[in-house]
N, C-alpha and C. Protein backbone atom coordinates (compact mmCIF):
# COMPACT_ATOMS: atom_id res chain seq x y z
N MET A 1 108.74 95.91 83.13
CA MET A 1 107.98 96.43 84.27
C MET A 1 106.69 97.05 83.74
N TYR A 2 105.59 96.73 84.38
CA TYR A 2 104.29 97.28 84.02
C TYR A 2 103.89 98.36 85.03
N GLU A 3 103.22 99.39 84.53
CA GLU A 3 102.66 100.42 85.39
C GLU A 3 101.17 100.51 85.12
N LEU A 4 100.41 100.53 86.18
CA LEU A 4 98.96 100.58 86.12
C LEU A 4 98.52 101.79 86.94
N THR A 5 97.67 102.64 86.37
CA THR A 5 97.24 103.85 87.07
C THR A 5 95.72 103.86 87.19
N ILE A 6 95.25 104.17 88.40
CA ILE A 6 93.83 104.36 88.63
C ILE A 6 93.59 105.78 89.10
N GLU A 7 92.37 106.25 88.91
CA GLU A 7 92.00 107.60 89.33
C GLU A 7 90.84 107.51 90.31
N ARG A 8 90.95 108.23 91.41
CA ARG A 8 89.90 108.29 92.42
C ARG A 8 89.71 109.75 92.82
N GLN A 9 88.69 110.01 93.63
CA GLN A 9 88.41 111.38 94.07
C GLN A 9 87.94 111.38 95.52
N PHE A 10 88.15 112.52 96.17
CA PHE A 10 87.55 112.76 97.48
C PHE A 10 87.41 114.27 97.66
N ALA A 11 86.53 114.65 98.55
CA ALA A 11 86.31 116.07 98.85
C ALA A 11 86.67 116.32 100.30
N ALA A 12 87.33 117.44 100.55
CA ALA A 12 87.74 117.78 101.92
C ALA A 12 87.99 119.28 102.02
N ALA A 13 88.01 119.76 103.26
CA ALA A 13 88.29 121.16 103.54
C ALA A 13 89.60 121.28 104.31
N HIS A 14 90.22 122.43 104.19
CA HIS A 14 91.43 122.73 104.97
C HIS A 14 91.68 124.23 104.93
N LYS A 15 92.66 124.63 105.70
CA LYS A 15 93.21 125.97 105.61
C LYS A 15 94.70 125.85 105.86
N LEU A 16 95.46 126.78 105.33
CA LEU A 16 96.91 126.73 105.46
C LEU A 16 97.37 127.76 106.47
N GLU A 17 97.96 127.26 107.54
CA GLU A 17 98.49 128.13 108.59
C GLU A 17 99.80 128.76 108.12
N ASN A 18 100.10 129.94 108.62
CA ASN A 18 101.36 130.65 108.30
C ASN A 18 101.53 130.83 106.80
N TYR A 19 100.44 131.11 106.13
CA TYR A 19 100.45 131.32 104.69
C TYR A 19 99.79 132.65 104.40
N ALA A 20 100.46 133.50 103.64
CA ALA A 20 99.93 134.83 103.32
C ALA A 20 99.21 134.78 101.98
N GLY A 21 98.00 134.32 102.00
CA GLY A 21 97.21 134.24 100.77
C GLY A 21 95.82 133.74 101.09
N PRO A 22 94.98 133.65 100.07
CA PRO A 22 93.59 133.27 100.31
C PRO A 22 93.43 131.86 100.88
N CYS A 23 94.39 130.99 100.67
CA CYS A 23 94.28 129.62 101.19
C CYS A 23 94.48 129.55 102.71
N ALA A 24 94.78 130.68 103.33
CA ALA A 24 94.84 130.73 104.79
C ALA A 24 93.43 130.68 105.39
N ARG A 25 92.44 130.98 104.56
CA ARG A 25 91.04 130.89 105.00
C ARG A 25 90.51 129.48 104.75
N LEU A 26 89.52 129.10 105.52
CA LEU A 26 88.87 127.81 105.34
C LEU A 26 88.30 127.71 103.93
N HIS A 27 88.63 126.62 103.24
CA HIS A 27 88.13 126.38 101.89
C HIS A 27 88.18 124.88 101.61
N GLY A 28 87.57 124.47 100.53
CA GLY A 28 87.53 123.05 100.20
C GLY A 28 88.02 122.77 98.80
N HIS A 29 88.29 121.49 98.57
CA HIS A 29 88.72 121.02 97.25
C HIS A 29 88.00 119.72 96.93
N ASN A 30 87.79 119.51 95.66
CA ASN A 30 87.43 118.19 95.16
C ASN A 30 88.73 117.60 94.60
N TYR A 31 89.41 116.86 95.46
CA TYR A 31 90.72 116.32 95.10
C TYR A 31 90.58 115.18 94.10
N ARG A 32 91.46 115.18 93.13
CA ARG A 32 91.58 114.09 92.16
C ARG A 32 92.89 113.39 92.46
N VAL A 33 92.86 112.08 92.59
CA VAL A 33 94.04 111.32 92.99
C VAL A 33 94.34 110.26 91.94
N LEU A 34 95.57 110.27 91.44
CA LEU A 34 96.07 109.23 90.54
C LEU A 34 97.05 108.38 91.32
N VAL A 35 96.84 107.08 91.30
CA VAL A 35 97.73 106.15 92.00
C VAL A 35 98.30 105.20 90.96
N THR A 36 99.62 105.17 90.86
CA THR A 36 100.30 104.29 89.91
C THR A 36 100.97 103.16 90.66
N PHE A 37 100.67 101.95 90.20
CA PHE A 37 101.26 100.73 90.76
C PHE A 37 102.22 100.15 89.72
N ARG A 38 103.25 99.46 90.22
CA ARG A 38 104.23 98.82 89.33
C ARG A 38 104.39 97.36 89.70
N GLY A 39 104.68 96.56 88.70
CA GLY A 39 104.97 95.15 88.92
C GLY A 39 105.51 94.53 87.66
N ALA A 40 106.17 93.40 87.81
CA ALA A 40 106.83 92.75 86.68
C ALA A 40 106.12 91.49 86.22
N THR A 41 105.24 90.95 87.04
CA THR A 41 104.67 89.64 86.75
C THR A 41 103.18 89.73 86.51
N LEU A 42 102.74 89.18 85.39
CA LEU A 42 101.32 89.11 85.08
C LEU A 42 100.74 87.80 85.59
N ASP A 43 99.47 87.83 85.94
CA ASP A 43 98.83 86.59 86.41
C ASP A 43 98.43 85.72 85.22
N GLU A 44 97.77 84.59 85.50
CA GLU A 44 97.42 83.64 84.44
C GLU A 44 96.42 84.21 83.43
N SER A 45 95.73 85.28 83.80
CA SER A 45 94.79 85.94 82.88
C SER A 45 95.46 87.05 82.08
N GLY A 46 96.72 87.34 82.38
CA GLY A 46 97.45 88.38 81.67
C GLY A 46 97.35 89.75 82.30
N PHE A 47 96.93 89.81 83.58
CA PHE A 47 96.80 91.08 84.30
C PHE A 47 97.92 91.25 85.32
N LEU A 48 98.35 92.50 85.48
CA LEU A 48 99.21 92.82 86.61
C LEU A 48 98.35 92.77 87.87
N MET A 49 97.23 93.51 87.84
CA MET A 49 96.24 93.51 88.94
C MET A 49 94.90 93.88 88.34
N ASP A 50 93.85 93.49 89.00
CA ASP A 50 92.51 93.86 88.59
C ASP A 50 92.27 95.32 88.98
N PHE A 51 91.84 96.15 88.02
CA PHE A 51 91.56 97.56 88.30
C PHE A 51 90.57 97.70 89.45
N ALA A 52 89.52 96.88 89.46
CA ALA A 52 88.48 96.99 90.49
C ALA A 52 89.05 96.75 91.88
N ALA A 53 89.94 95.81 92.02
CA ALA A 53 90.54 95.52 93.32
C ALA A 53 91.39 96.69 93.80
N LEU A 54 92.14 97.29 92.89
CA LEU A 54 92.98 98.44 93.27
C LEU A 54 92.14 99.66 93.59
N LYS A 55 91.05 99.86 92.85
CA LYS A 55 90.15 100.98 93.15
C LYS A 55 89.55 100.80 94.54
N SER A 56 89.13 99.60 94.85
CA SER A 56 88.55 99.33 96.16
C SER A 56 89.57 99.57 97.28
N LEU A 57 90.78 99.11 97.08
CA LEU A 57 91.84 99.31 98.07
C LEU A 57 92.08 100.81 98.30
N CYS A 58 92.17 101.57 97.22
CA CYS A 58 92.42 103.01 97.34
C CYS A 58 91.23 103.72 97.97
N ASP A 59 90.02 103.29 97.63
CA ASP A 59 88.83 103.90 98.23
C ASP A 59 88.81 103.72 99.73
N THR A 60 89.27 102.59 100.20
CA THR A 60 89.33 102.35 101.65
C THR A 60 90.23 103.38 102.33
N VAL A 61 91.35 103.70 101.72
CA VAL A 61 92.26 104.70 102.27
C VAL A 61 91.66 106.10 102.14
N LEU A 62 91.11 106.42 100.98
CA LEU A 62 90.56 107.76 100.74
C LEU A 62 89.33 108.04 101.59
N ASP A 63 88.57 107.01 101.94
CA ASP A 63 87.37 107.20 102.77
C ASP A 63 87.70 107.88 104.09
N ASP A 64 88.91 107.68 104.57
CA ASP A 64 89.33 108.29 105.83
C ASP A 64 89.49 109.82 105.72
N LEU A 65 89.70 110.31 104.50
CA LEU A 65 89.86 111.75 104.27
C LEU A 65 88.61 112.41 103.71
N ASP A 66 87.73 111.63 103.11
CA ASP A 66 86.59 112.18 102.41
C ASP A 66 85.64 112.93 103.33
N HIS A 67 85.30 114.15 102.92
CA HIS A 67 84.39 115.04 103.66
C HIS A 67 84.88 115.29 105.09
N GLN A 68 86.18 115.49 105.22
CA GLN A 68 86.80 115.79 106.51
C GLN A 68 87.41 117.19 106.46
N TYR A 69 87.61 117.74 107.65
CA TYR A 69 88.40 118.96 107.81
C TYR A 69 89.81 118.48 108.08
N LEU A 70 90.67 118.56 107.09
CA LEU A 70 91.99 117.93 107.14
C LEU A 70 92.88 118.47 108.25
N ASN A 71 92.70 119.72 108.64
CA ASN A 71 93.52 120.28 109.72
C ASN A 71 93.32 119.52 111.03
N ASP A 72 92.16 118.90 111.21
CA ASP A 72 91.87 118.13 112.42
C ASP A 72 92.24 116.66 112.30
N HIS A 73 92.68 116.21 111.14
CA HIS A 73 93.03 114.81 110.93
C HIS A 73 94.38 114.51 111.58
N ALA A 74 94.47 113.40 112.26
CA ALA A 74 95.70 113.03 112.98
C ALA A 74 96.92 112.97 112.06
N ALA A 75 96.74 112.62 110.81
CA ALA A 75 97.87 112.50 109.88
C ALA A 75 98.56 113.83 109.63
N PHE A 76 97.86 114.93 109.87
CA PHE A 76 98.43 116.25 109.59
C PHE A 76 98.65 117.06 110.86
N ALA A 77 98.69 116.39 111.98
CA ALA A 77 98.95 117.08 113.26
C ALA A 77 100.31 117.76 113.19
N GLY A 78 100.33 119.04 113.47
CA GLY A 78 101.59 119.78 113.49
C GLY A 78 102.11 120.20 112.13
N ARG A 79 101.34 119.95 111.07
CA ARG A 79 101.78 120.39 109.74
C ARG A 79 100.56 120.73 108.89
N ASN A 80 100.77 121.56 107.92
CA ASN A 80 99.70 121.95 107.02
C ASN A 80 99.28 120.78 106.13
N PRO A 81 97.99 120.61 105.91
CA PRO A 81 97.52 119.57 104.99
C PRO A 81 97.60 120.06 103.55
N THR A 82 98.81 120.29 103.09
CA THR A 82 99.06 120.73 101.72
C THR A 82 98.89 119.55 100.77
N ALA A 83 98.84 119.82 99.49
CA ALA A 83 98.79 118.74 98.50
C ALA A 83 100.01 117.83 98.65
N GLU A 84 101.16 118.43 98.98
CA GLU A 84 102.37 117.63 99.19
C GLU A 84 102.20 116.66 100.35
N ALA A 85 101.68 117.17 101.47
CA ALA A 85 101.48 116.32 102.66
C ALA A 85 100.43 115.25 102.39
N ILE A 86 99.38 115.59 101.66
CA ILE A 86 98.34 114.62 101.34
C ILE A 86 98.89 113.52 100.44
N ALA A 87 99.66 113.89 99.42
CA ALA A 87 100.25 112.89 98.52
C ALA A 87 101.17 111.94 99.28
N HIS A 88 101.98 112.47 100.17
CA HIS A 88 102.88 111.63 100.96
C HIS A 88 102.10 110.69 101.87
N TYR A 89 101.09 111.22 102.55
CA TYR A 89 100.25 110.41 103.43
C TYR A 89 99.56 109.28 102.65
N LEU A 90 98.97 109.62 101.52
CA LEU A 90 98.29 108.60 100.73
C LEU A 90 99.25 107.55 100.22
N PHE A 91 100.44 107.97 99.80
CA PHE A 91 101.45 107.00 99.35
C PHE A 91 101.73 105.99 100.46
N GLN A 92 101.99 106.48 101.66
CA GLN A 92 102.31 105.60 102.78
C GLN A 92 101.16 104.66 103.11
N GLN A 93 99.94 105.19 103.15
CA GLN A 93 98.79 104.38 103.51
C GLN A 93 98.47 103.34 102.45
N ILE A 94 98.54 103.71 101.19
CA ILE A 94 98.25 102.76 100.12
C ILE A 94 99.35 101.73 100.02
N ARG A 95 100.59 102.14 100.21
CA ARG A 95 101.70 101.17 100.21
C ARG A 95 101.49 100.11 101.28
N ALA A 96 101.09 100.53 102.47
CA ALA A 96 100.85 99.58 103.57
C ALA A 96 99.68 98.66 103.23
N ALA A 97 98.62 99.21 102.65
CA ALA A 97 97.43 98.41 102.33
C ALA A 97 97.71 97.42 101.20
N ALA A 98 98.67 97.74 100.34
CA ALA A 98 98.98 96.88 99.19
C ALA A 98 100.22 96.02 99.40
N ALA A 99 100.69 95.93 100.61
CA ALA A 99 101.97 95.26 100.89
C ALA A 99 102.03 93.83 100.38
N ASP A 100 100.92 93.13 100.38
CA ASP A 100 100.92 91.71 99.98
C ASP A 100 100.50 91.49 98.53
N LEU A 101 100.34 92.55 97.77
CA LEU A 101 99.88 92.43 96.39
C LEU A 101 101.06 92.32 95.43
N PRO A 102 100.85 91.75 94.25
CA PRO A 102 101.94 91.66 93.27
C PRO A 102 102.32 93.01 92.67
N ALA A 103 101.43 93.98 92.72
CA ALA A 103 101.74 95.33 92.24
C ALA A 103 101.90 96.24 93.45
N GLN A 104 102.94 97.03 93.45
CA GLN A 104 103.21 97.94 94.56
C GLN A 104 103.04 99.38 94.12
N VAL A 105 102.64 100.23 95.05
CA VAL A 105 102.43 101.64 94.71
C VAL A 105 103.78 102.24 94.29
N TRP A 106 103.73 102.98 93.20
CA TRP A 106 104.92 103.62 92.65
C TRP A 106 104.86 105.13 92.81
N ALA A 107 103.67 105.70 92.62
CA ALA A 107 103.52 107.15 92.71
C ALA A 107 102.08 107.50 93.04
N VAL A 108 101.92 108.61 93.75
CA VAL A 108 100.60 109.16 94.04
C VAL A 108 100.62 110.62 93.62
N THR A 109 99.67 110.99 92.77
CA THR A 109 99.52 112.37 92.33
C THR A 109 98.20 112.90 92.87
N VAL A 110 98.27 114.06 93.51
CA VAL A 110 97.09 114.70 94.07
C VAL A 110 96.86 116.02 93.35
N TYR A 111 95.71 116.12 92.70
CA TYR A 111 95.28 117.37 92.06
C TYR A 111 94.38 118.09 93.05
N GLU A 112 94.73 119.32 93.39
CA GLU A 112 93.83 120.09 94.24
C GLU A 112 92.98 121.03 93.40
N SER A 113 93.31 121.15 92.13
CA SER A 113 92.48 121.84 91.15
C SER A 113 92.76 121.17 89.81
N PRO A 114 91.98 121.48 88.79
CA PRO A 114 92.24 120.85 87.49
C PRO A 114 93.61 121.16 86.90
N THR A 115 94.27 122.22 87.39
CA THR A 115 95.55 122.62 86.79
C THR A 115 96.73 122.59 87.76
N SER A 116 96.52 122.10 89.00
CA SER A 116 97.60 122.10 90.00
C SER A 116 97.68 120.75 90.70
N ALA A 117 98.84 120.11 90.58
CA ALA A 117 99.01 118.77 91.15
C ALA A 117 100.40 118.60 91.75
N VAL A 118 100.49 117.65 92.68
CA VAL A 118 101.74 117.25 93.29
C VAL A 118 101.86 115.74 93.17
N THR A 119 103.05 115.25 92.85
CA THR A 119 103.31 113.81 92.81
C THR A 119 104.34 113.44 93.85
N TYR A 120 104.06 112.37 94.60
CA TYR A 120 105.02 111.83 95.55
C TYR A 120 105.35 110.41 95.13
N ARG A 121 106.66 110.12 95.12
CA ARG A 121 107.13 108.75 94.86
C ARG A 121 108.45 108.56 95.61
N GLU A 122 108.72 107.33 95.93
CA GLU A 122 110.02 106.98 96.53
C GLU A 122 110.76 106.12 95.53
N GLU A 123 111.98 106.50 95.25
CA GLU A 123 112.76 105.74 94.26
C GLU A 123 113.87 104.98 94.90
């Protein structure tokens, strides 16, 4: 089994409701996103998938969140747009976008700061 990981970024604002801390106030992050794809079969050129194609696919999904106020985004209606919720949402959206590809999304890691990250995967 091969694993291929790409890194992308987006910027967005949010606030955390029912949270006793500074993140209850409006603030923003420059999110760093790692997306890992898995597959067993290489193509005739010896690739699992072209990095550029996967970056483009992920950018299409991330564009929906970029420079948005996440609390107003439909994906987070009724829940806080935490790093956990963002990782889960991105996993689902990228999995759907990559459904017909030979490599499937395996994990999505969302860094909300250089030292704090959440990973979502379904096993």
